[in-house]
Amino acid sequence: MQIQATDTPKLDWRGDALAIGLFENAVEVTGELAQLDEKLAGVLKELIEETEFEGKTGSSAVTRVGSKSPVRKVILVGLGKSEELTLDSFRVGAAAIARIAKKEKCATLGVSLPVANDELAATAQVITEGIILALHQDNRFKSETENGAPKLETVELLGLGNQEAAITRGEQICSGVILARELVGAPANSVTPQKMAETAEAIASEHGLTLEILEQEDCEKLGMGAFLGVGQASELPPKFIHLTYKPDGTPRRKLAIVGKGVTFDSGGLNLKPSGSGIETMKMDMGGGGATLGAAKAIAQLKPDVEVHFISAATENMISGTAVHPGDILKASNGKTIEVNNTDAEGRLTLADALVFTEKLGVDAIVDLATLTGACVIALGNDISGFWSADEQLATQLKQASEQAGEKFWQMPMEEKYFELMKSPIADMKNAGSRAAGSITAALFLKQFVQQTPWAHIDIAGTAWADKENGVVNEGATGFPVRTLVNWALSET
């Protein structure tokens, strides 16, 4: 599929489907729309009246035009109230247009949205993201696909002029989101710790990044007892992945993204029962998948910052060598952990990953993990919780997420709740009480970062979608690759 911007007005465009975005309470066939309606034999006014189209967010209407018309079909998409318009409104609107065009078997599509002149490039980028992400389908494991069905071949963004750089930027970001989706969506017998390492190798080779893979014996030498304890029941060896992007010249700042990489989580001896969602635990490397997705995108965008991408990849399985509830593990910073719940394993892998990362001397660290069901209970499946004691970093993440159209909510770092993690026989337990479970998980991770500005993002609810929503399709979402990219590229 080719996406291109053009100065062609919608009055002169010819092709399979012309899509027009309209604001709520401003659905009037006047001016240029009236001219277009006359050219299309009154089909616009008729479509609006028959469907009672009001331009509300999420609304759409489509109809066929006469055979002699320069366009075969017209698509209307609601953008909501003009005073509430954001760049994400265009991203979501473009996604809706793309899905309709696919359903209507259109090969060529013209998109006309009411874009402000000072936001042409940014709008071209988000429209590109919306179209590509909405049309992405993961059919790798199907024996029969829709290969014979007509596909959308060309999309023209009308009235935007030359925005080739912005469209390319959107495509590069989407390549990272799609990589994350495909890693998270693949079954655990396909994406193993070894596969995660191979994916990092491919990114490094293709885009000129440096790669360090620590094997089990390397991790043992570094004293990574928490990480290694999680994977000691698996027949598959762990892989500690450290991928680094460095710009030409002196980097403006140095950042690190750390993603939980548990490729399957059985719960360990605290086995997840049937009905608990154990069959979805292939997605427990959602943080690691998004980390590699962000690496792919950032490597193509080439910002003037240095970024380290770290994932301690392993499985949490059951065998005679499994960690027992009540065992004590020693992390690489010397802290001891009583494992009172083997299903609270992600934080153990992140503990050693955070200690390793801080030694790199970066300016800020962000970790992301499908960490707690408690976060899903608190914020649902559309919003990720995040924790940080550094308000500058927290502000950066909020701004980056708003630009990305990915929802975040800052949660409290209530220090006194760490009392729930105290152990009578070790420095701490790995799980507290059911109350404030996502907060105590963040407080646990905080013990493994000494001075570096740090934030923790819990994507337990947002890494997977049970239904189509905005630019997100059912299945793995690729959350929060777009936010991480925006954060790395931000000027502050």
Protein backbone atom coordinates (compact mmCIF):
# COMPACT_ATOMS: atom_id res chain seq x y z
CA MET A 1 0.00 0.00 0.00
CA GLN A 2 1.28 3.44 -0.93
CA ILE A 3 0.32 6.52 1.07
CA GLN A 4 1.02 9.92 -0.44
CA ALA A 5 0.00 13.51 0.19
CA THR A 6 -1.21 15.74 -2.60
CA ASP A 7 -2.55 19.25 -3.24
CA THR A 8 -5.44 17.79 -5.24
CA PRO A 9 -8.74 19.19 -3.89
CA LYS A 10 -11.55 16.75 -3.19
CA LEU A 11 -13.55 18.33 -6.02
CA ASP A 12 -11.01 17.06 -8.56
CA TRP A 13 -10.09 13.68 -7.05
CA ARG A 14 -10.98 10.50 -8.91
CA GLY A 15 -10.90 6.94 -7.56
CA ASP A 16 -12.77 4.18 -5.76
CA ALA A 17 -13.71 5.96 -2.51
CA LEU A 18 -13.58 9.54 -1.30
CA ALA A 19 -13.57 9.86 2.51
CA ILE A 20 -14.57 13.12 4.16
CA GLY A 21 -14.23 14.00 7.85
CA LEU A 22 -16.92 16.24 9.37
CA PHE A 23 -17.29 17.89 12.76
CA GLU A 24 -20.26 17.34 15.03
CA ASN A 25 -22.96 20.02 14.72
CA ALA A 26 -21.28 21.31 11.56
CA VAL A 27 -22.63 18.81 9.07
CA GLU A 28 -23.76 21.29 6.46
CA VAL A 29 -23.53 20.85 2.71
CA THR A 30 -22.28 24.33 1.90
CA GLY A 31 -19.34 25.91 0.06
CA GLU A 32 -16.96 23.33 -1.40
CA LEU A 33 -19.11 20.47 -0.10
CA ALA A 34 -22.09 21.88 -1.97
CA GLN A 35 -20.04 21.97 -5.17
CA LEU A 36 -18.98 18.38 -4.58
CA ASP A 37 -22.56 17.36 -3.83
CA GLU A 38 -23.69 18.88 -7.11
CA LYS A 39 -20.93 17.04 -8.95
CA LEU A 40 -22.03 13.77 -7.31
CA ALA A 41 -25.71 14.26 -8.14
CA GLY A 42 -26.79 15.15 -4.58
CA VAL A 43 -25.46 12.00 -2.94
CA LEU A 44 -23.83 13.81 0.02
CA LYS A 45 -26.99 15.53 1.21
CA GLU A 46 -28.98 12.36 0.66
CA LEU A 47 -26.50 10.22 2.65
CA ILE A 48 -26.47 12.67 5.57
CA GLU A 49 -30.27 12.83 5.71
CA GLU A 50 -30.94 9.11 5.29
CA THR A 51 -28.40 8.01 7.93
CA GLU A 52 -29.07 11.01 10.22
CA PHE A 53 -25.32 11.55 10.22
CA GLU A 54 -24.32 14.15 12.86
CA GLY A 55 -20.52 13.95 12.82
CA LYS A 56 -20.21 12.43 16.29
CA THR A 57 -16.97 10.71 17.22
CA GLY A 58 -17.01 7.14 15.99
CA SER A 59 -19.89 7.64 13.56
CA SER A 60 -19.63 6.85 9.86
CA ALA A 61 -21.72 6.43 6.74
CA VAL A 62 -20.96 5.09 3.28
CA THR A 63 -22.84 4.91 -0.01
CA ARG A 64 -22.29 4.06 -3.64
CA VAL A 65 -22.31 6.86 -6.21
CA GLY A 66 -23.62 6.55 -9.76
CA SER A 67 -21.51 4.61 -12.26
CA LYS A 68 -20.64 7.73 -14.25
CA SER A 69 -19.30 9.54 -11.20
CA PRO A 70 -15.54 10.25 -10.82
CA VAL A 71 -15.70 8.38 -7.48
CA ARG A 72 -17.38 5.03 -6.89
CA LYS A 73 -18.20 5.49 -3.20
CA VAL A 74 -18.35 8.24 -0.59
CA ILE A 75 -17.39 7.69 3.05
CA LEU A 76 -18.31 10.13 5.83
CA VAL A 77 -16.56 9.93 9.21
CA GLY A 78 -17.42 11.92 12.33
CA LEU A 79 -14.61 13.77 14.11
CA GLY A 80 -16.62 14.93 17.10
CA LYS A 81 -16.79 18.51 18.35
CA SER A 82 -14.30 20.86 16.73
CA GLU A 83 -13.33 22.40 20.06
CA GLU A 84 -12.32 18.93 21.34
CA LEU A 85 -10.22 18.07 18.30
CA THR A 86 -6.77 16.55 18.90
CA LEU A 87 -4.24 14.94 16.59
CA ASP A 88 -5.50 11.59 17.83
CA SER A 89 -8.96 12.47 16.47
CA PHE A 90 -7.40 12.34 13.00
CA ARG A 91 -5.55 9.11 13.82
CA VAL A 92 -8.77 7.41 14.96
CA GLY A 93 -10.80 8.90 12.10
CA ALA A 94 -8.27 7.65 9.56
CA ALA A 95 -8.41 4.18 11.11
CA ALA A 96 -12.20 4.13 10.73
CA ILE A 97 -11.90 5.25 7.10
CA ALA A 98 -9.34 2.52 6.36
CA ARG A 99 -11.52 -0.22 7.83
CA ILE A 100 -14.52 0.92 5.79
CA ALA A 101 -12.44 1.14 2.61
CA LYS A 102 -11.22 -2.41 3.18
CA LYS A 103 -14.75 -3.69 3.81
CA GLU A 104 -15.97 -1.92 0.67
CA LYS A 105 -13.15 -3.51 -1.38
CA CYS A 106 -11.62 -0.21 -2.49
CA ALA A 107 -8.24 -0.19 -4.24
CA THR A 108 -7.83 3.62 -4.26
CA LEU A 109 -8.85 5.97 -1.47
CA GLY A 110 -8.85 9.74 -1.15
CA VAL A 111 -8.91 11.19 2.38
CA SER A 112 -10.06 14.74 3.04
CA LEU A 113 -9.92 15.95 6.65
CA PRO A 114 -10.22 19.54 8.00
CA VAL A 115 -6.53 20.10 8.78
CA ALA A 116 -5.06 23.33 10.15
CA ASN A 117 -2.29 24.76 7.97
CA ASP A 118 0.20 24.81 10.85
CA GLU A 119 -0.25 21.09 11.52
CA LEU A 120 -0.01 19.61 8.04
CA ALA A 121 3.04 17.44 8.74
CA ALA A 122 1.86 16.20 12.15
CA THR A 123 -1.56 15.40 10.73
CA ALA A 124 -0.12 13.53 7.75
CA GLN A 125 1.90 11.42 10.19
CA VAL A 126 -1.02 10.47 12.44
CA ILE A 127 -3.32 9.75 9.49
CA THR A 128 -0.64 7.42 8.17
CA GLU A 129 -0.41 5.70 11.56
CA GLY A 130 -4.17 5.30 11.79
CA ILE A 131 -4.48 3.75 8.33
CA ILE A 132 -1.55 1.33 8.66
CA LEU A 133 -2.38 0.15 12.17
CA ALA A 134 -6.07 -0.32 11.40
CA LEU A 135 -5.32 -2.44 8.34
CA HIS A 136 -2.68 -4.61 10.01
CA GLN A 137 -3.82 -8.21 10.36
CA ASP A 138 -1.65 -10.96 11.82
CA ASN A 139 -2.33 -13.99 9.64
CA ARG A 140 1.02 -15.74 10.13
CA PHE A 141 -0.48 -18.82 11.73
CA LYS A 142 -3.48 -19.28 9.42
CA SER A 143 -3.46 -21.83 6.61
CA GLU A 144 -6.02 -19.81 4.68
CA THR A 145 -5.97 -16.03 4.37
CA GLU A 146 -7.73 -13.31 2.39
CA ASN A 147 -4.91 -13.10 -0.16
CA GLY A 148 -7.35 -13.26 -3.06
CA ALA A 149 -9.50 -10.37 -1.83
CA PRO A 150 -9.00 -6.87 -3.30
CA LYS A 151 -6.62 -4.75 -1.22
CA LEU A 152 -6.25 -1.05 -0.64
CA GLU A 153 -3.35 -0.11 -2.91
CA THR A 154 -3.16 3.68 -2.91
CA VAL A 155 -4.20 6.29 -0.34
CA GLU A 156 -4.01 9.99 -1.19
CA LEU A 157 -4.15 12.57 1.58
CA LEU A 158 -5.89 15.45 -0.13
CA GLY A 159 -4.92 19.07 0.37
CA LEU A 160 -1.78 18.36 2.40
CA GLY A 161 0.87 19.13 -0.19
CA ASN A 162 4.21 17.34 -0.03
CA GLN A 163 4.47 15.50 3.30
CA GLU A 164 6.73 12.64 2.29
CA ALA A 165 8.95 12.97 5.40
CA ALA A 166 5.95 12.95 7.77
CA ILE A 167 4.41 9.94 6.04
CA THR A 168 7.74 8.08 6.22
CA ARG A 169 7.99 8.91 9.91
CA GLY A 170 4.51 7.47 10.49
CA GLU A 171 5.44 4.33 8.56
CA GLN A 172 8.61 3.87 10.61
CA ILE A 173 6.75 4.20 13.90
CA CYS A 174 4.13 1.73 12.67
CA SER A 175 6.84 -0.80 11.80
CA GLY A 176 7.83 -0.78 15.47
CA VAL A 177 4.24 -1.08 16.69
CA ILE A 178 3.59 -3.99 14.31
CA LEU A 179 6.77 -5.78 15.43
CA ALA A 180 5.58 -5.48 19.04
CA ARG A 181 2.12 -6.74 18.06
CA GLU A 182 3.55 -9.76 16.28
CA LEU A 183 5.91 -10.64 19.11
CA VAL A 184 3.19 -10.35 21.75
CA GLY A 185 0.57 -12.07 19.59
CA ALA A 186 2.70 -15.09 18.71
CA PRO A 187 2.34 -18.26 20.79
CA ALA A 188 4.94 -19.18 23.38
CA ASN A 189 6.23 -22.07 21.25
CA SER A 190 7.08 -19.49 18.57
CA VAL A 191 8.41 -16.56 20.61
CA THR A 192 10.86 -18.04 23.10
CA PRO A 193 13.74 -16.28 24.87
CA GLN A 194 15.92 -17.42 21.97
CA LYS A 195 13.48 -15.87 19.46
CA MET A 196 13.52 -12.61 21.40
CA ALA A 197 17.32 -12.59 21.17
CA GLU A 198 17.19 -13.39 17.44
CA THR A 199 14.76 -10.51 16.90
CA ALA A 200 17.16 -8.16 18.67
CA GLU A 201 19.97 -9.49 16.46
CA ALA A 202 17.92 -8.76 13.34
CA ILE A 203 17.24 -5.17 14.48
CA ALA A 204 20.90 -4.64 15.28
CA SER A 205 22.02 -6.05 11.93
CA GLU A 206 19.49 -4.13 9.84
CA HIS A 207 19.81 -0.76 11.54
CA GLY A 208 23.38 -0.65 12.84
CA LEU A 209 22.74 -1.02 16.58
CA THR A 210 25.08 -2.77 19.00
CA LEU A 211 23.91 -5.90 20.77
CA GLU A 212 24.98 -7.73 23.90
CA ILE A 213 23.34 -11.05 24.83
CA LEU A 214 24.14 -12.30 28.31
CA GLU A 215 23.83 -16.07 28.59
CA GLN A 216 22.97 -17.90 31.81
CA GLU A 217 26.59 -18.17 32.93
CA ASP A 218 27.09 -14.45 32.29
CA CYS A 219 24.08 -13.64 34.44
CA GLU A 220 25.36 -15.98 37.16
CA LYS A 221 28.67 -14.09 37.24
CA LEU A 222 26.75 -10.84 37.70
CA GLY A 223 24.75 -12.33 40.58
CA MET A 224 21.36 -12.07 38.86
CA GLY A 225 19.71 -14.49 41.26
CA ALA A 226 16.23 -12.95 40.98
CA PHE A 227 16.10 -13.18 37.17
CA LEU A 228 17.66 -16.64 37.03
CA GLY A 229 15.38 -17.92 39.79
CA VAL A 230 12.31 -17.26 37.67
CA GLY A 231 13.58 -19.32 34.74
CA GLN A 232 15.24 -22.20 36.57
CA ALA A 233 12.35 -24.63 35.92
CA SER A 234 12.31 -24.02 32.17
CA GLU A 235 14.09 -26.26 29.68
CA LEU A 236 14.77 -23.14 27.58
CA PRO A 237 17.83 -21.09 28.56
CA PRO A 238 17.29 -17.44 29.53
CA LYS A 239 18.57 -14.57 27.40
CA PHE A 240 19.44 -11.17 28.83
CA ILE A 241 19.14 -8.77 25.89
CA HIS A 242 20.89 -5.39 25.75
CA LEU A 243 20.44 -3.51 22.48
CA THR A 244 21.91 -0.01 22.06
CA TYR A 245 21.20 2.79 19.61
CA LYS A 246 23.85 5.51 19.40
CA PRO A 247 23.55 8.60 17.20
CA ASP A 248 26.32 10.12 15.15
CA GLY A 249 28.17 12.62 17.33
CA THR A 250 27.65 13.33 21.01
CA PRO A 251 24.19 12.27 22.25
CA ARG A 252 22.00 14.99 23.72
CA ARG A 253 20.96 12.61 26.49
CA LYS A 254 21.09 8.91 27.36
CA LEU A 255 17.92 6.95 28.02
CA ALA A 256 16.98 3.36 28.82
CA ILE A 257 13.84 1.34 28.14
CA VAL A 258 13.50 -1.89 30.10
CA GLY A 259 10.79 -4.40 29.18
CA LYS A 260 9.57 -7.47 31.05
CA GLY A 261 10.31 -10.47 28.82
CA VAL A 262 8.54 -13.48 30.36
CA THR A 263 7.66 -15.40 27.19
CA PHE A 264 5.24 -17.65 29.04
CA ASP A 265 4.04 -17.41 32.62
CA SER A 266 2.52 -20.56 34.06
CA GLY A 267 2.53 -19.00 37.51
CA GLY A 268 5.21 -21.44 38.64
CA LEU A 269 4.29 -23.61 41.62
CA ASN A 270 1.62 -21.01 42.40
CA LEU A 271 0.07 -22.36 39.19
CA LYS A 272 -2.49 -20.24 37.39
CA PRO A 273 -5.72 -22.27 37.38
CA SER A 274 -7.93 -22.86 34.37
CA GLY A 275 -10.12 -19.83 33.78
CA SER A 276 -7.49 -17.45 35.11
CA GLY A 277 -6.32 -16.49 31.63
CA ILE A 278 -3.32 -18.80 31.62
CA GLU A 279 -3.86 -19.39 27.90
CA THR A 280 -3.10 -15.70 27.25
CA MET A 281 0.21 -15.76 29.11
CA LYS A 282 2.12 -15.69 25.83
CA MET A 283 1.55 -11.94 26.18
CA ASP A 284 3.51 -11.69 29.42
CA MET A 285 6.49 -10.47 27.40
CA GLY A 286 4.41 -7.46 26.29
CA GLY A 287 6.96 -5.10 27.83
CA GLY A 288 9.87 -6.80 26.12
CA GLY A 289 7.99 -6.89 22.82
CA ALA A 290 7.25 -3.18 23.00
CA THR A 291 10.86 -2.48 23.93
CA LEU A 292 12.09 -4.20 20.77
CA GLY A 293 9.36 -2.48 18.75
CA ALA A 294 10.52 0.90 20.07
CA ALA A 295 14.10 -0.04 19.19
CA LYS A 296 13.13 -0.77 15.58
CA ALA A 297 11.29 2.54 15.22
CA ILE A 298 13.88 4.69 16.98
CA ALA A 299 16.71 3.14 14.95
CA GLN A 300 14.98 4.29 11.76
CA LEU A 301 14.10 7.75 13.07
CA LYS A 302 17.72 8.36 14.15
CA PRO A 303 17.29 10.91 16.98
CA ASP A 304 20.31 12.61 18.59
CA VAL A 305 19.89 10.62 21.81
CA GLU A 306 21.45 7.35 22.97
CA VAL A 307 18.91 4.70 23.90
CA HIS A 308 19.49 1.37 25.61
CA PHE A 309 16.86 -1.36 25.21
CA ILE A 310 16.97 -4.12 27.82
CA SER A 311 14.88 -7.24 28.31
CA ALA A 312 15.60 -10.18 30.62
CA ALA A 313 13.85 -12.92 28.64
CA THR A 314 12.86 -16.21 30.24
CA GLU A 315 9.93 -18.56 30.96
CA ASN A 316 8.20 -19.14 34.31
CA MET A 317 7.53 -22.87 34.25
CA ILE A 318 7.06 -25.90 36.51
CA SER A 319 9.49 -28.79 37.10
CA GLY A 320 11.49 -30.37 39.88
CA THR A 321 13.89 -27.43 39.71
CA ALA A 322 11.23 -24.73 40.12
CA VAL A 323 11.51 -22.03 42.75
CA HIS A 324 9.43 -22.98 45.78
CA PRO A 325 7.10 -20.57 47.55
CA GLY A 326 9.16 -19.49 50.54
CA ASP A 327 12.54 -19.67 48.80
CA ILE A 328 14.91 -16.74 49.11
CA LEU A 329 16.60 -15.27 46.04
CA LYS A 330 19.45 -12.77 46.00
CA ALA A 331 19.39 -9.99 43.38
CA SER A 332 22.49 -8.52 41.77
CA ASN A 333 22.49 -5.51 44.11
CA GLY A 334 22.72 -7.82 47.12
CA LYS A 335 19.10 -7.47 48.26
CA THR A 336 17.39 -10.68 49.33
CA ILE A 337 13.83 -11.55 48.34
CA GLU A 338 11.48 -14.05 49.93
CA VAL A 339 9.40 -15.53 47.12
CA ASN A 340 6.00 -15.80 48.73
CA ASN A 341 4.27 -16.01 45.34
CA THR A 342 5.97 -17.57 42.31
CA ASP A 343 3.35 -15.89 40.11
CA ALA A 344 4.76 -12.48 41.01
CA GLU A 345 7.71 -13.29 38.76
CA GLY A 346 7.95 -10.33 36.40
CA ARG A 347 9.18 -7.99 39.09
CA LEU A 348 11.98 -10.46 39.89
CA THR A 349 13.26 -10.37 36.31
CA LEU A 350 12.97 -6.58 36.25
CA ALA A 351 14.86 -6.24 39.53
CA ASP A 352 18.13 -7.48 38.05
CA ALA A 353 17.42 -5.71 34.76
CA LEU A 354 17.06 -2.38 36.56
CA VAL A 355 20.28 -2.89 38.54
CA PHE A 356 22.11 -3.66 35.28
CA THR A 357 20.57 -0.66 33.53
CA GLU A 358 21.44 1.90 36.19
CA LYS A 359 25.11 0.93 35.93
CA LEU A 360 25.04 2.15 32.30
CA GLY A 361 24.98 5.75 33.54
CA VAL A 362 21.84 6.83 31.69
CA ASP A 363 19.88 10.01 32.40
CA ALA A 364 16.50 8.29 32.84
CA ILE A 365 15.01 4.79 32.91
CA VAL A 366 11.50 3.70 31.95
CA ASP A 367 10.42 0.12 32.56
CA LEU A 368 7.25 -1.43 31.20
CA ALA A 369 5.58 -4.68 32.12
CA THR A 370 2.38 -6.67 32.07
CA LEU A 371 2.82 -6.72 35.82
CA THR A 372 -0.39 -6.76 37.86
CA GLY A 373 -4.04 -7.67 37.56
CA ALA A 374 -4.56 -4.98 40.19
CA CYS A 375 -3.77 -2.29 37.60
CA VAL A 376 -6.43 -3.72 35.30
CA ILE A 377 -8.95 -3.60 38.14
CA ALA A 378 -8.03 0.02 38.85
CA LEU A 379 -7.84 1.42 35.31
CA GLY A 380 -9.41 -1.13 32.95
CA ASN A 381 -8.08 -2.17 29.57
CA ASP A 382 -7.68 1.23 27.91
CA ILE A 383 -5.45 3.05 30.42
CA SER A 384 -1.99 2.17 31.70
CA GLY A 385 -0.90 3.15 35.16
CA PHE A 386 2.53 4.61 35.69
CA TRP A 387 4.61 5.49 38.72
CA SER A 388 7.49 7.90 39.13
CA ALA A 389 8.97 9.95 41.93
CA ASP A 390 10.57 12.24 39.33
CA GLU A 391 8.01 14.80 38.22
CA GLN A 392 10.04 15.97 35.23
CA LEU A 393 10.11 12.43 33.85
CA ALA A 394 6.44 11.95 34.68
CA THR A 395 5.56 15.11 32.75
CA GLN A 396 7.60 13.93 29.77
CA LEU A 397 5.72 10.63 29.69
CA LYS A 398 2.34 12.32 29.98
CA GLN A 399 3.12 14.61 27.06
CA ALA A 400 4.51 11.74 24.99
CA SER A 401 1.42 9.61 25.62
CA GLU A 402 -0.96 12.44 24.71
CA GLN A 403 0.82 12.91 21.38
CA ALA A 404 0.66 9.15 20.81
CA GLY A 405 -3.03 8.80 21.63
CA GLU A 406 -2.14 6.20 24.29
CA LYS A 407 -3.79 6.74 27.69
CA PHE A 408 -1.72 6.92 30.87
CA TRP A 409 -2.65 7.73 34.45
CA GLN A 410 -0.09 8.58 37.10
CA MET A 411 -0.57 6.47 40.22
CA PRO A 412 0.66 7.32 43.74
CA MET A 413 4.01 6.08 45.00
CA GLU A 414 2.73 5.59 48.56
CA GLU A 415 5.90 4.73 50.43
CA LYS A 416 4.22 3.45 53.58
CA TYR A 417 2.66 0.63 51.57
CA PHE A 418 6.10 -0.95 51.32
CA GLU A 419 5.44 -2.22 54.84
CA LEU A 420 3.24 -4.81 53.09
CA MET A 421 6.37 -6.13 51.35
CA LYS A 422 8.47 -6.58 54.47
CA SER A 423 9.74 -10.10 55.20
CA PRO A 424 10.79 -11.44 58.62
CA ILE A 425 13.59 -13.52 57.05
CA ALA A 426 14.73 -11.48 54.01
CA ASP A 427 15.00 -7.86 52.91
CA MET A 428 11.57 -8.04 51.29
CA LYS A 429 8.90 -10.30 49.88
CA ASN A 430 8.07 -10.31 46.20
CA ALA A 431 4.33 -9.80 46.75
CA GLY A 432 2.29 -7.87 49.27
CA SER A 433 -1.37 -8.15 50.15
CA ARG A 434 -4.16 -7.99 47.58
CA ALA A 435 -4.81 -4.36 48.50
CA ALA A 436 -2.84 -1.78 46.47
CA GLY A 437 -1.21 -4.58 44.48
CA SER A 438 -0.05 -2.41 41.60
CA ILE A 439 1.42 0.19 43.97
CA THR A 440 3.35 -2.34 46.04
CA ALA A 441 4.69 -3.85 42.80
CA ALA A 442 6.04 -0.42 41.80
CA LEU A 443 7.52 0.06 45.27
CA PHE A 444 9.26 -3.31 44.96
CA LEU A 445 10.89 -2.22 41.68
CA LYS A 446 11.93 1.07 43.25
CA GLN A 447 14.28 -0.85 45.57
CA PHE A 448 16.49 -1.65 42.57
CA VAL A 449 17.02 1.90 41.30
CA GLN A 450 19.17 4.11 43.49
CA GLN A 451 19.52 7.58 41.98
CA THR A 452 18.55 7.62 38.30
CA PRO A 453 15.19 9.22 37.41
CA TRP A 454 12.90 6.24 36.84
CA ALA A 455 9.33 5.45 35.87
CA HIS A 456 7.40 2.19 35.82
CA ILE A 457 4.53 1.55 33.39
CA ASP A 458 2.05 -1.28 34.04
CA ILE A 459 0.60 -2.44 30.70
CA ALA A 460 -1.26 -5.49 32.01
CA GLY A 461 -4.55 -4.13 30.68
CA THR A 462 -3.38 -2.31 27.57
CA ALA A 463 -1.04 -4.85 25.93
CA TRP A 464 -4.01 -6.87 24.68
CA ALA A 465 -7.44 -5.90 23.33
CA ASP A 466 -10.52 -8.10 23.22
CA LYS A 467 -12.20 -5.88 20.66
CA GLU A 468 -11.41 -3.25 18.07
CA ASN A 469 -10.90 0.20 19.57
CA GLY A 470 -9.53 3.26 17.78
CA VAL A 471 -6.38 2.27 15.87
CA VAL A 472 -6.12 -0.90 17.96
CA ASN A 473 -7.34 -4.18 16.53
CA GLU A 474 -8.41 -7.21 18.53
CA GLY A 475 -5.36 -8.99 19.95
CA ALA A 476 -1.91 -7.60 20.72
CA THR A 477 -1.93 -3.79 20.65
CA GLY A 478 1.72 -2.74 20.42
CA PHE A 479 1.13 -0.44 23.41
CA PRO A 480 3.07 1.77 24.29
CA VAL A 481 5.59 1.87 21.41
CA ARG A 482 4.32 5.23 20.12
CA THR A 483 4.69 6.81 23.56
CA LEU A 484 8.20 5.44 24.04
CA VAL A 485 9.24 6.79 20.63
CA ASN A 486 7.80 10.22 21.43
CA TRP A 487 9.58 10.22 24.79
CA ALA A 488 12.93 9.37 23.20
CA LEU A 489 12.50 12.07 20.55
CA SER A 490 11.26 14.80 22.90
CA GLU A 491 13.42 17.88 23.38
CA THR A 492 13.16 17.97 27.19
